[in-house]
Every structure is written in C-alpha cells, then in structure tokens.
Amino acid sequence: MAELEHRPVVHDHAAFLARARRRRGFQKAYDALETEYHVANELIAARARAGLTQEAVAQRMGTTKSAVSRLESGGKHTPSVGTLQRYANAVGCEIKIELVPKAG
C-alpha cells in the first residue's frame, strides 16, 4: 500500500478567528462547540505529526477520505469512542480521555 505524500495546507487559525469573531452570534456558537473543535484540532494535529494525508488515514481505518474529513471538521459529526480509537491507531496514537472537575 503506497503512502501519499503529506502536504499541509497553510491555515492561519488565529486570523480566521479574529475575522469570524466580528460576526454577530459567532462567539456564542463557537463557545457551544468548544469541545468538538478541540477534538477536531487534536485529530488534525495527530495526523500532521504522523505525516499522513486524510486518504492515508482512511485507508488505514478502512473507511473513506470523506469520513475522515467529517471526523476532522468538528461540530456536526461527533465520533464514537470506537471511531476515535480506530483513528488513533491509524495515526500511531493512543487515546486518553480525562474528566476534570470544573473550576469554581
């Protein structure tokens, strides 16, 4: 199975958020999805560290590139723990789930 070369797309997330926060209602909607966005960012970071494309991860998971894209998009598609485990295995990681008491 040939691995595809990973060429990350440059994305200035801080600049994107700065522009998006100017829109009415954005911050409230963004805050409501904070956990989902955090999971999505973790997935993308792990894939980037592994030097893999979405296609390569999909092959390793036995799924499609579009399914991997949905996992990494956050928000609408909340993955199961089993799916997260398959993704983690595909990118050479382990899952660590931690429940932390809220401050205050």
PDB file of N, CA and C in Angstrom:
ATOM      1  N   MET A   1       0.845  -1.170   0.000  1.00  0.00           N
ATOM      2  CA  MET A   1       0.000   0.000   0.000  1.00  0.00           C
ATOM      3  C   MET A   1       0.895   1.240   0.000  1.00  0.00           C
ATOM      4  N   ALA A   2       0.791   2.059  -0.990  1.00  0.00           N
ATOM      5  CA  ALA A   2       1.628   3.252  -1.119  1.00  0.00           C
ATOM      6  C   ALA A   2       1.067   4.377  -0.245  1.00  0.00           C
ATOM      7  N   GLU A   3       1.943   5.028   0.485  1.00  0.00           N
ATOM      8  CA  GLU A   3       1.549   6.175   1.294  1.00  0.00           C
ATOM      9  C   GLU A   3       1.590   7.428   0.422  1.00  0.00           C
ATOM     10  N   LEU A   4       0.633   8.282   0.582  1.00  0.00           N
ATOM     11  CA  LEU A   4       0.606   9.537  -0.161  1.00  0.00           C
ATOM     12  C   LEU A   4       1.419  10.579   0.586  1.00  0.00           C
ATOM     13  N   GLU A   5       2.053  11.444  -0.157  1.00  0.00           N
ATOM     14  CA  GLU A   5       2.857  12.497   0.456  1.00  0.00           C
ATOM     15  C   GLU A   5       1.943  13.510   1.133  1.00  0.00           C
ATOM     16  N   HIS A   6       2.281  13.855   2.361  1.00  0.00           N
ATOM     17  CA  HIS A   6       1.504  14.825   3.138  1.00  0.00           C
ATOM     18  C   HIS A   6       2.002  16.235   2.845  1.00  0.00           C
ATOM     19  N   ARG A   7       1.126  17.069   2.332  1.00  0.00           N
ATOM     20  CA  ARG A   7       1.442  18.476   2.077  1.00  0.00           C
ATOM     21  C   ARG A   7       0.393  19.329   2.772  1.00  0.00           C
ATOM     22  N   PRO A   8       0.658  19.779   4.011  1.00  0.00           N
ATOM     23  CA  PRO A   8      -0.347  20.539   4.758  1.00  0.00           C
ATOM     24  C   PRO A   8      -0.712  21.852   4.067  1.00  0.00           C
ATOM     25  N   VAL A   9      -1.959  22.202   4.190  1.00  0.00           N
ATOM     26  CA  VAL A   9      -2.438  23.479   3.682  1.00  0.00           C
ATOM     27  C   VAL A   9      -2.202  24.514   4.777  1.00  0.00           C
ATOM     28  N   VAL A  10      -1.569  25.618   4.431  1.00  0.00           N
ATOM     29  CA  VAL A  10      -1.298  26.668   5.405  1.00  0.00           C
ATOM     30  C   VAL A  10      -2.616  27.325   5.794  1.00  0.00           C
ATOM     31  N   HIS A  11      -2.853  27.385   7.098  1.00  0.00           N
ATOM     32  CA  HIS A  11      -4.083  27.984   7.610  1.00  0.00           C
ATOM     33  C   HIS A  11      -3.731  28.802   8.837  1.00  0.00           C
ATOM     34  N   ASP A  12      -4.030  30.081   8.815  1.00  0.00           N
ATOM     35  CA  ASP A  12      -3.792  30.959   9.957  1.00  0.00           C
ATOM     36  C   ASP A  12      -5.070  30.985  10.789  1.00  0.00           C
ATOM     37  N   HIS A  13      -5.154  30.053  11.740  1.00  0.00           N
ATOM     38  CA  HIS A  13      -6.370  29.906  12.532  1.00  0.00           C
ATOM     39  C   HIS A  13      -6.648  31.155  13.376  1.00  0.00           C
ATOM     40  N   ALA A  14      -5.610  31.761  13.911  1.00  0.00           N
ATOM     41  CA  ALA A  14      -5.803  32.965  14.728  1.00  0.00           C
ATOM     42  C   ALA A  14      -6.417  34.094  13.901  1.00  0.00           C
ATOM     43  N   ALA A  15      -5.946  34.275  12.670  1.00  0.00           N
ATOM     44  CA  ALA A  15      -6.510  35.313  11.798  1.00  0.00           C
ATOM     45  C   ALA A  15      -7.945  34.981  11.420  1.00  0.00           C
ATOM     46  N   PHE A  16      -8.210  33.702  11.152  1.00  0.00           N
ATOM     47  CA  PHE A  16      -9.577  33.281  10.842  1.00  0.00           C
ATOM     48  C   PHE A  16     -10.514  33.614  11.998  1.00  0.00           C
ATOM     49  N   LEU A  17     -10.109  33.256  13.218  1.00  0.00           N
ATOM     50  CA  LEU A  17     -10.961  33.530  14.381  1.00  0.00           C
ATOM     51  C   LEU A  17     -11.151  35.023  14.598  1.00  0.00           C
ATOM     52  N   ALA A  18     -10.110  35.797  14.395  1.00  0.00           N
ATOM     53  CA  ALA A  18     -10.219  37.245  14.574  1.00  0.00           C
ATOM     54  C   ALA A  18     -11.268  37.825  13.628  1.00  0.00           C
ATOM     55  N   ARG A  19     -11.269  37.358  12.389  1.00  0.00           N
ATOM     56  CA  ARG A  19     -12.280  37.836  11.430  1.00  0.00           C
ATOM     57  C   ARG A  19     -13.670  37.313  11.799  1.00  0.00           C
ATOM     58  N   ALA A  20     -13.740  36.056  12.161  1.00  0.00           N
ATOM     59  CA  ALA A  20     -15.036  35.434  12.452  1.00  0.00           C
ATOM     60  C   ALA A  20     -15.687  36.035  13.693  1.00  0.00           C
ATOM     61  N   ARG A  21     -14.895  36.401  14.682  1.00  0.00           N
ATOM     62  CA  ARG A  21     -15.446  36.948  15.934  1.00  0.00           C
ATOM     63  C   ARG A  21     -16.146  38.292  15.725  1.00  0.00           C
ATOM     64  N   ARG A  22     -15.890  38.935  14.621  1.00  0.00           N
ATOM     65  CA  ARG A  22     -16.573  40.199  14.323  1.00  0.00           C
ATOM     66  C   ARG A  22     -18.025  39.974  13.927  1.00  0.00           C
ATOM     67  N   ARG A  23     -18.364  38.751  13.537  1.00  0.00           N
ATOM     68  CA  ARG A  23     -19.739  38.449  13.123  1.00  0.00           C
ATOM     69  C   ARG A  23     -20.624  38.239  14.348  1.00  0.00           C
ATOM     70  N   ARG A  24     -21.816  38.808  14.279  1.00  0.00           N
ATOM     71  CA  ARG A  24     -22.767  38.696  15.376  1.00  0.00           C
ATOM     72  C   ARG A  24     -23.142  37.231  15.592  1.00  0.00           C
ATOM     73  N   GLY A  25     -23.105  36.795  16.839  1.00  0.00           N
ATOM     74  CA  GLY A  25     -23.508  35.450  17.197  1.00  0.00           C
ATOM     75  C   GLY A  25     -22.419  34.399  17.063  1.00  0.00           C
ATOM     76  N   PHE A  26     -21.296  34.766  16.444  1.00  0.00           N
ATOM     77  CA  PHE A  26     -20.243  33.774  16.236  1.00  0.00           C
ATOM     78  C   PHE A  26     -19.686  33.249  17.549  1.00  0.00           C
ATOM     79  N   GLN A  27     -19.340  34.133  18.462  1.00  0.00           N
ATOM     80  CA  GLN A  27     -18.676  33.705  19.698  1.00  0.00           C
ATOM     81  C   GLN A  27     -19.553  32.756  20.503  1.00  0.00           C
ATOM     82  N   LYS A  28     -20.831  33.033  20.595  1.00  0.00           N
ATOM     83  CA  LYS A  28     -21.740  32.158  21.344  1.00  0.00           C
ATOM     84  C   LYS A  28     -21.789  30.764  20.695  1.00  0.00           C
ATOM     85  N   ALA A  29     -21.911  30.721  19.381  1.00  0.00           N
ATOM     86  CA  ALA A  29     -21.962  29.447  18.659  1.00  0.00           C
ATOM     87  C   ALA A  29     -20.628  28.707  18.785  1.00  0.00           C
ATOM     88  N   TYR A  30     -19.537  29.430  18.681  1.00  0.00           N
ATOM     89  CA  TYR A  30     -18.211  28.825  18.785  1.00  0.00           C
ATOM     90  C   TYR A  30     -17.997  28.231  20.171  1.00  0.00           C
ATOM     91  N   ASP A  31     -18.367  28.986  21.200  1.00  0.00           N
ATOM     92  CA  ASP A  31     -18.208  28.505  22.567  1.00  0.00           C
ATOM     93  C   ASP A  31     -19.025  27.246  22.831  1.00  0.00           C
ATOM     94  N   ALA A  32     -20.210  27.156  22.227  1.00  0.00           N
ATOM     95  CA  ALA A  32     -21.076  25.985  22.414  1.00  0.00           C
ATOM     96  C   ALA A  32     -20.441  24.730  21.827  1.00  0.00           C
ATOM     97  N   LEU A  33     -19.546  24.881  20.869  1.00  0.00           N
ATOM     98  CA  LEU A  33     -18.906  23.741  20.211  1.00  0.00           C
ATOM     99  C   LEU A  33     -17.436  23.580  20.602  1.00  0.00           C
ATOM    100  N   GLU A  34     -17.054  24.192  21.709  1.00  0.00           N
ATOM    101  CA  GLU A  34     -15.644  24.213  22.109  1.00  0.00           C
ATOM    102  C   GLU A  34     -15.041  22.805  22.204  1.00  0.00           C
ATOM    103  N   THR A  35     -15.739  21.874  22.832  1.00  0.00           N
ATOM    104  CA  THR A  35     -15.199  20.521  22.991  1.00  0.00           C
ATOM    105  C   THR A  35     -15.035  19.835  21.640  1.00  0.00           C
ATOM    106  N   GLU A  36     -16.048  19.966  20.767  1.00  0.00           N
ATOM    107  CA  GLU A  36     -15.965  19.339  19.452  1.00  0.00           C
ATOM    108  C   GLU A  36     -14.802  19.896  18.641  1.00  0.00           C
ATOM    109  N   TYR A  37     -14.601  21.222  18.708  1.00  0.00           N
ATOM    110  CA  TYR A  37     -13.488  21.829  17.989  1.00  0.00           C
ATOM    111  C   TYR A  37     -12.151  21.373  18.563  1.00  0.00           C
ATOM    112  N   HIS A  38     -12.099  21.206  19.871  1.00  0.00           N
ATOM    113  CA  HIS A  38     -10.860  20.745  20.495  1.00  0.00           C
ATOM    114  C   HIS A  38     -10.524  19.332  20.008  1.00  0.00           C
ATOM    115  N   VAL A  39     -11.515  18.447  19.963  1.00  0.00           N
ATOM    116  CA  VAL A  39     -11.297  17.083  19.471  1.00  0.00           C
ATOM    117  C   VAL A  39     -10.829  17.128  18.017  1.00  0.00           C
ATOM    118  N   ALA A  40     -11.497  17.927  17.189  1.00  0.00           N
ATOM    119  CA  ALA A  40     -11.120  18.036  15.776  1.00  0.00           C
ATOM    120  C   ALA A  40      -9.675  18.514  15.638  1.00  0.00           C
ATOM    121  N   ASN A  41      -9.291  19.510  16.424  1.00  0.00           N
ATOM    122  CA  ASN A  41      -7.916  20.022  16.367  1.00  0.00           C
ATOM    123  C   ASN A  41      -6.910  18.959  16.792  1.00  0.00           C
ATOM    124  N   GLU A  42      -7.254  18.151  17.793  1.00  0.00           N
ATOM    125  CA  GLU A  42      -6.379  17.068  18.229  1.00  0.00           C
ATOM    126  C   GLU A  42      -6.189  16.034  17.117  1.00  0.00           C
ATOM    127  N   LEU A  43      -7.281  15.692  16.424  1.00  0.00           N
ATOM    128  CA  LEU A  43      -7.197  14.728  15.334  1.00  0.00           C
ATOM    129  C   LEU A  43      -6.279  15.246  14.228  1.00  0.00           C
ATOM    130  N   ILE A  44      -6.490  16.469  13.824  1.00  0.00           N
ATOM    131  CA  ILE A  44      -5.695  17.054  12.740  1.00  0.00           C
ATOM    132  C   ILE A  44      -4.221  17.141  13.133  1.00  0.00           C
ATOM    133  N   ALA A  45      -3.960  17.547  14.381  1.00  0.00           N
ATOM    134  CA  ALA A  45      -2.569  17.656  14.844  1.00  0.00           C
ATOM    135  C   ALA A  45      -1.891  16.291  14.856  1.00  0.00           C
ATOM    136  N   ALA A  46      -2.611  15.256  15.292  1.00  0.00           N
ATOM    137  CA  ALA A  46      -2.030  13.911  15.325  1.00  0.00           C
ATOM    138  C   ALA A  46      -1.736  13.418  13.911  1.00  0.00           C
ATOM    139  N   ARG A  47      -2.646  13.677  12.991  1.00  0.00           N
ATOM    140  CA  ARG A  47      -2.423  13.264  11.592  1.00  0.00           C
ATOM    141  C   ARG A  47      -1.225  13.995  11.006  1.00  0.00           C
ATOM    142  N   ALA A  48      -1.109  15.291  11.301  1.00  0.00           N
ATOM    143  CA  ALA A  48       0.019  16.071  10.787  1.00  0.00           C
ATOM    144  C   ALA A  48       1.340  15.557  11.359  1.00  0.00           C
ATOM    145  N   ARG A  49       1.359  15.247  12.669  1.00  0.00           N
ATOM    146  CA  ARG A  49       2.585  14.703  13.279  1.00  0.00           C
ATOM    147  C   ARG A  49       2.979  13.386  12.629  1.00  0.00           C
ATOM    148  N   ALA A  50       1.974  12.585  12.251  1.00  0.00           N
ATOM    149  CA  ALA A  50       2.242  11.299  11.601  1.00  0.00           C
ATOM    150  C   ALA A  50       2.633  11.469  10.139  1.00  0.00           C
ATOM    151  N   GLY A  51       2.457  12.690   9.595  1.00  0.00           N
ATOM    152  CA  GLY A  51       2.811  12.950   8.200  1.00  0.00           C
ATOM    153  C   GLY A  51       1.895  12.243   7.220  1.00  0.00           C
ATOM    154  N   LEU A  52       0.629  12.103   7.587  1.00  0.00           N
ATOM    155  CA  LEU A  52      -0.321  11.369   6.751  1.00  0.00           C
ATOM    156  C   LEU A  52      -1.364  12.293   6.140  1.00  0.00           C
ATOM    157  N   THR A  53      -1.847  11.896   4.990  1.00  0.00           N
ATOM    158  CA  THR A  53      -2.977  12.588   4.367  1.00  0.00           C
ATOM    159  C   THR A  53      -4.270  11.986   4.909  1.00  0.00           C
ATOM    160  N   GLN A  54      -5.381  12.662   4.642  1.00  0.00           N
ATOM    161  CA  GLN A  54      -6.679  12.097   5.005  1.00  0.00           C
ATOM    162  C   GLN A  54      -6.901  10.775   4.272  1.00  0.00           C
ATOM    163  N   GLU A  55      -6.442  10.693   3.034  1.00  0.00           N
ATOM    164  CA  GLU A  55      -6.581   9.460   2.260  1.00  0.00           C
ATOM    165  C   GLU A  55      -5.840   8.299   2.929  1.00  0.00           C
ATOM    166  N   ALA A  56      -4.625   8.564   3.401  1.00  0.00           N
ATOM    167  CA  ALA A  56      -3.834   7.514   4.043  1.00  0.00           C
ATOM    168  C   ALA A  56      -4.484   7.056   5.345  1.00  0.00           C
ATOM    169  N   VAL A  57      -4.991   8.002   6.117  1.00  0.00           N
ATOM    170  CA  VAL A  57      -5.680   7.646   7.363  1.00  0.00           C
ATOM    171  C   VAL A  57      -6.919   6.823   7.045  1.00  0.00           C
ATOM    172  N   ALA A  58      -7.661   7.231   6.041  1.00  0.00           N
ATOM    173  CA  ALA A  58      -8.866   6.500   5.639  1.00  0.00           C
ATOM    174  C   ALA A  58      -8.527   5.063   5.263  1.00  0.00           C
ATOM    175  N   GLN A  59      -7.459   4.876   4.502  1.00  0.00           N
ATOM    176  CA  GLN A  59      -7.032   3.525   4.115  1.00  0.00           C
ATOM    177  C   GLN A  59      -6.713   2.694   5.341  1.00  0.00           C
ATOM    178  N   ARG A  60      -5.992   3.274   6.274  1.00  0.00           N
ATOM    179  CA  ARG A  60      -5.610   2.547   7.494  1.00  0.00           C
ATOM    180  C   ARG A  60      -6.821   2.225   8.364  1.00  0.00           C
ATOM    181  N   MET A  61      -7.841   3.090   8.322  1.00  0.00           N
ATOM    182  CA  MET A  61      -9.054   2.870   9.121  1.00  0.00           C
ATOM    183  C   MET A  61     -10.054   1.967   8.414  1.00  0.00           C
ATOM    184  N   GLY A  62      -9.865   1.772   7.109  1.00  0.00           N
ATOM    185  CA  GLY A  62     -10.834   1.007   6.345  1.00  0.00           C
ATOM    186  C   GLY A  62     -12.100   1.792   6.073  1.00  0.00           C
ATOM    187  N   THR A  63     -11.928   3.087   5.822  1.00  0.00           N
ATOM    188  CA  THR A  63     -13.063   3.968   5.547  1.00  0.00           C
ATOM    189  C   THR A  63     -12.721   4.871   4.370  1.00  0.00           C
ATOM    190  N   THR A  64     -13.497   5.921   4.194  1.00  0.00           N
ATOM    191  CA  THR A  64     -13.286   6.835   3.073  1.00  0.00           C
ATOM    192  C   THR A  64     -12.650   8.144   3.533  1.00  0.00           C
ATOM    193  N   LYS A  65     -12.044   8.851   2.580  1.00  0.00           N
ATOM    194  CA  LYS A  65     -11.482  10.166   2.872  1.00  0.00           C
ATOM    195  C   LYS A  65     -12.562  11.108   3.386  1.00  0.00           C
ATOM    196  N   SER A  66     -13.765  11.039   2.810  1.00  0.00           N
ATOM    197  CA  SER A  66     -14.835  11.936   3.247  1.00  0.00           C
ATOM    198  C   SER A  66     -15.231  11.666   4.694  1.00  0.00           C
ATOM    199  N   ALA A  67     -15.161  10.399   5.126  1.00  0.00           N
ATOM    200  CA  ALA A  67     -15.459  10.083   6.525  1.00  0.00           C
ATOM    201  C   ALA A  67     -14.410  10.690   7.447  1.00  0.00           C
ATOM    202  N   VAL A  68     -13.142  10.617   7.050  1.00  0.00           N
ATOM    203  CA  VAL A  68     -12.064  11.222   7.839  1.00  0.00           C
ATOM    204  C   VAL A  68     -12.234  12.735   7.861  1.00  0.00           C
ATOM    205  N   SER A  69     -12.583  13.316   6.740  1.00  0.00           N
ATOM    206  CA  SER A  69     -12.814  14.758   6.665  1.00  0.00           C
ATOM    207  C   SER A  69     -13.927  15.179   7.632  1.00  0.00           C
ATOM    208  N   ARG A  70     -14.993  14.395   7.686  1.00  0.00           N
ATOM    209  CA  ARG A  70     -16.099  14.710   8.618  1.00  0.00           C
ATOM    210  C   ARG A  70     -15.625  14.624  10.066  1.00  0.00           C
ATOM    211  N   LEU A  71     -14.815  13.614  10.381  1.00  0.00           N
ATOM    212  CA  LEU A  71     -14.286  13.492  11.742  1.00  0.00           C
ATOM    213  C   LEU A  71     -13.476  14.722  12.130  1.00  0.00           C
ATOM    214  N   GLU A  72     -12.701  15.223  11.187  1.00  0.00           N
ATOM    215  CA  GLU A  72     -11.809  16.356  11.455  1.00  0.00           C
ATOM    216  C   GLU A  72     -12.508  17.705  11.376  1.00  0.00           C
ATOM    217  N   SER A  73     -13.761  17.715  10.967  1.00  0.00           N
ATOM    218  CA  SER A  73     -14.453  19.000  10.801  1.00  0.00           C
ATOM    219  C   SER A  73     -15.040  19.532  12.100  1.00  0.00           C
ATOM    220  N   GLY A  74     -15.309  18.674  13.057  1.00  0.00           N
ATOM    221  CA  GLY A  74     -15.909  19.116  14.318  1.00  0.00           C
ATOM    222  C   GLY A  74     -17.323  19.605  14.116  1.00  0.00           C
ATOM    223  N   GLY A  75     -18.031  19.791  15.219  1.00  0.00           N
ATOM    224  CA  GLY A  75     -19.377  20.345  15.141  1.00  0.00           C
ATOM    225  C   GLY A  75     -20.460  19.328  14.867  1.00  0.00           C
ATOM    226  N   LYS A  76     -20.780  19.103  13.602  1.00  0.00           N
ATOM    227  CA  LYS A  76     -21.934  18.284  13.236  1.00  0.00           C
ATOM    228  C   LYS A  76     -21.736  16.798  13.475  1.00  0.00           C
ATOM    229  N   HIS A  77     -20.523  16.296  13.354  1.00  0.00           N
ATOM    230  CA  HIS A  77     -20.267  14.863  13.382  1.00  0.00           C
ATOM    231  C   HIS A  77     -19.450  14.496  14.615  1.00  0.00           C
ATOM    232  N   THR A  78     -20.125  14.059  15.665  1.00  0.00           N
ATOM    233  CA  THR A  78     -19.442  13.663  16.877  1.00  0.00           C
ATOM    234  C   THR A  78     -19.090  12.183  16.791  1.00  0.00           C
ATOM    235  N   PRO A  79     -17.800  11.851  16.763  1.00  0.00           N
ATOM    236  CA  PRO A  79     -17.400  10.451  16.591  1.00  0.00           C
ATOM    237  C   PRO A  79     -17.594   9.634  17.864  1.00  0.00           C
ATOM    238  N   SER A  80     -17.806   8.326  17.693  1.00  0.00           N
ATOM    239  CA  SER A  80     -17.885   7.415  18.832  1.00  0.00           C
ATOM    240  C   SER A  80     -16.475   7.164  19.357  1.00  0.00           C
ATOM    241  N   VAL A  81     -16.393   6.608  20.550  1.00  0.00           N
ATOM    242  CA  VAL A  81     -15.091   6.267  21.114  1.00  0.00           C
ATOM    243  C   VAL A  81     -14.407   5.217  20.230  1.00  0.00           C
ATOM    244  N   GLY A  82     -15.179   4.277  19.699  1.00  0.00           N
ATOM    245  CA  GLY A  82     -14.606   3.266  18.805  1.00  0.00           C
ATOM    246  C   GLY A  82     -13.985   3.878  17.564  1.00  0.00           C
ATOM    247  N   THR A  83     -14.662   4.855  16.991  1.00  0.00           N
ATOM    248  CA  THR A  83     -14.128   5.538  15.809  1.00  0.00           C
ATOM    249  C   THR A  83     -12.871   6.315  16.166  1.00  0.00           C
ATOM    250  N   LEU A  84     -12.877   6.983  17.312  1.00  0.00           N
ATOM    251  CA  LEU A  84     -11.680   7.704  17.749  1.00  0.00           C
ATOM    252  C   LEU A  84     -10.515   6.740  17.952  1.00  0.00           C
ATOM    253  N   GLN A  85     -10.809   5.540  18.474  1.00  0.00           N
ATOM    254  CA  GLN A  85      -9.755   4.540  18.671  1.00  0.00           C
ATOM    255  C   GLN A  85      -9.162   4.096  17.340  1.00  0.00           C
ATOM    256  N   ARG A  86     -10.011   3.852  16.352  1.00  0.00           N
ATOM    257  CA  ARG A  86      -9.521   3.461  15.023  1.00  0.00           C
ATOM    258  C   ARG A  86      -8.674   4.573  14.414  1.00  0.00           C
ATOM    259  N   TYR A  87      -9.109   5.823  14.560  1.00  0.00           N
ATOM    260  CA  TYR A  87      -8.353   6.963  14.049  1.00  0.00           C
ATOM    261  C   TYR A  87      -6.995   7.029  14.756  1.00  0.00           C
ATOM    262  N   ALA A  88      -7.016   6.914  16.086  1.00  0.00           N
ATOM    263  CA  ALA A  88      -5.772   6.972  16.857  1.00  0.00           C
ATOM    264  C   ALA A  88      -4.806   5.882  16.402  1.00  0.00           C
ATOM    265  N   ASN A  89      -5.298   4.679  16.224  1.00  0.00           N
ATOM    266  CA  ASN A  89      -4.447   3.587  15.737  1.00  0.00           C
ATOM    267  C   ASN A  89      -3.870   3.915  14.370  1.00  0.00           C
ATOM    268  N   ALA A  90      -4.674   4.504  13.507  1.00  0.00           N
ATOM    269  CA  ALA A  90      -4.240   4.821  12.139  1.00  0.00           C
ATOM    270  C   ALA A  90      -3.108   5.839  12.118  1.00  0.00           C
ATOM    271  N   VAL A  91      -3.087   6.750  13.100  1.00  0.00           N
ATOM    272  CA  VAL A  91      -2.046   7.788  13.126  1.00  0.00           C
ATOM    273  C   VAL A  91      -0.960   7.493  14.165  1.00  0.00           C
ATOM    274  N   GLY A  92      -0.978   6.268  14.719  1.00  0.00           N
ATOM    275  CA  GLY A  92       0.068   5.872  15.660  1.00  0.00           C
ATOM    276  C   GLY A  92      -0.049   6.497  17.028  1.00  0.00           C
ATOM    277  N   CYS A  93      -1.276   6.699  17.487  1.00  0.00           N
ATOM    278  CA  CYS A  93      -1.501   7.319  18.794  1.00  0.00           C
ATOM    279  C   CYS A  93      -2.365   6.429  19.678  1.00  0.00           C
ATOM    280  N   GLU A  94      -2.446   6.795  20.942  1.00  0.00           N
ATOM    281  CA  GLU A  94      -3.373   6.203  21.893  1.00  0.00           C
ATOM    282  C   GLU A  94      -4.336   7.286  22.336  1.00  0.00           C
ATOM    283  N   ILE A  95      -5.512   6.872  22.757  1.00  0.00           N
ATOM    284  CA  ILE A  95      -6.499   7.829  23.257  1.00  0.00           C
ATOM    285  C   ILE A  95      -6.360   7.942  24.768  1.00  0.00           C
ATOM    286  N   LYS A  96      -6.464   9.159  25.259  1.00  0.00           N
ATOM    287  CA  LYS A  96      -6.501   9.410  26.690  1.00  0.00           C
ATOM    288  C   LYS A  96      -7.713  10.303  26.938  1.00  0.00           C
ATOM    289  N   ILE A  97      -8.681   9.767  27.653  1.00  0.00           N
ATOM    290  CA  ILE A  97      -9.880  10.543  27.986  1.00  0.00           C
ATOM    291  C   ILE A  97      -9.793  10.887  29.457  1.00  0.00           C
ATOM    292  N   GLU A  98     -10.006  12.145  29.770  1.00  0.00           N
ATOM    293  CA  GLU A  98      -9.845  12.611  31.136  1.00  0.00           C
ATOM    294  C   GLU A  98     -11.016  13.521  31.492  1.00  0.00           C
ATOM    295  N   LEU A  99     -11.651  13.234  32.617  1.00  0.00           N
ATOM    296  CA  LEU A  99     -12.701  14.111  33.128  1.00  0.00           C
ATOM    297  C   LEU A  99     -12.086  14.949  34.235  1.00  0.00           C
ATOM    298  N   VAL A 100     -12.153  16.258  34.080  1.00  0.00           N
ATOM    299  CA  VAL A 100     -11.509  17.178  35.001  1.00  0.00           C
ATOM    300  C   VAL A 100     -12.592  18.013  35.689  1.00  0.00           C
ATOM    301  N   PRO A 101     -12.546  18.119  37.024  1.00  0.00           N
ATOM    302  CA  PRO A 101     -13.543  18.937  37.718  1.00  0.00           C
ATOM    303  C   PRO A 101     -13.520  20.379  37.219  1.00  0.00           C
ATOM    304  N   LYS A 102     -14.707  20.947  37.101  1.00  0.00           N
ATOM    305  CA  LYS A 102     -14.810  22.349  36.691  1.00  0.00           C
ATOM    306  C   LYS A 102     -14.287  23.249  37.788  1.00  0.00           C
ATOM    307  N   ALA A 103     -13.675  24.323  37.362  1.00  0.00           N
ATOM    308  CA  ALA A 103     -13.175  25.309  38.322  1.00  0.00           C
ATOM    309  C   ALA A 103     -14.348  26.099  38.881  1.00  0.00           C
ATOM    310  N   GLY A 104     -14.278  26.409  40.164  1.00  0.00           N
ATOM    311  CA  GLY A 104     -15.303  27.264  40.773  1.00  0.00           C
ATOM    312  C   GLY A 104     -16.462  26.508  41.191  1.00  0.00           C
TER     313      GLY A 104
END
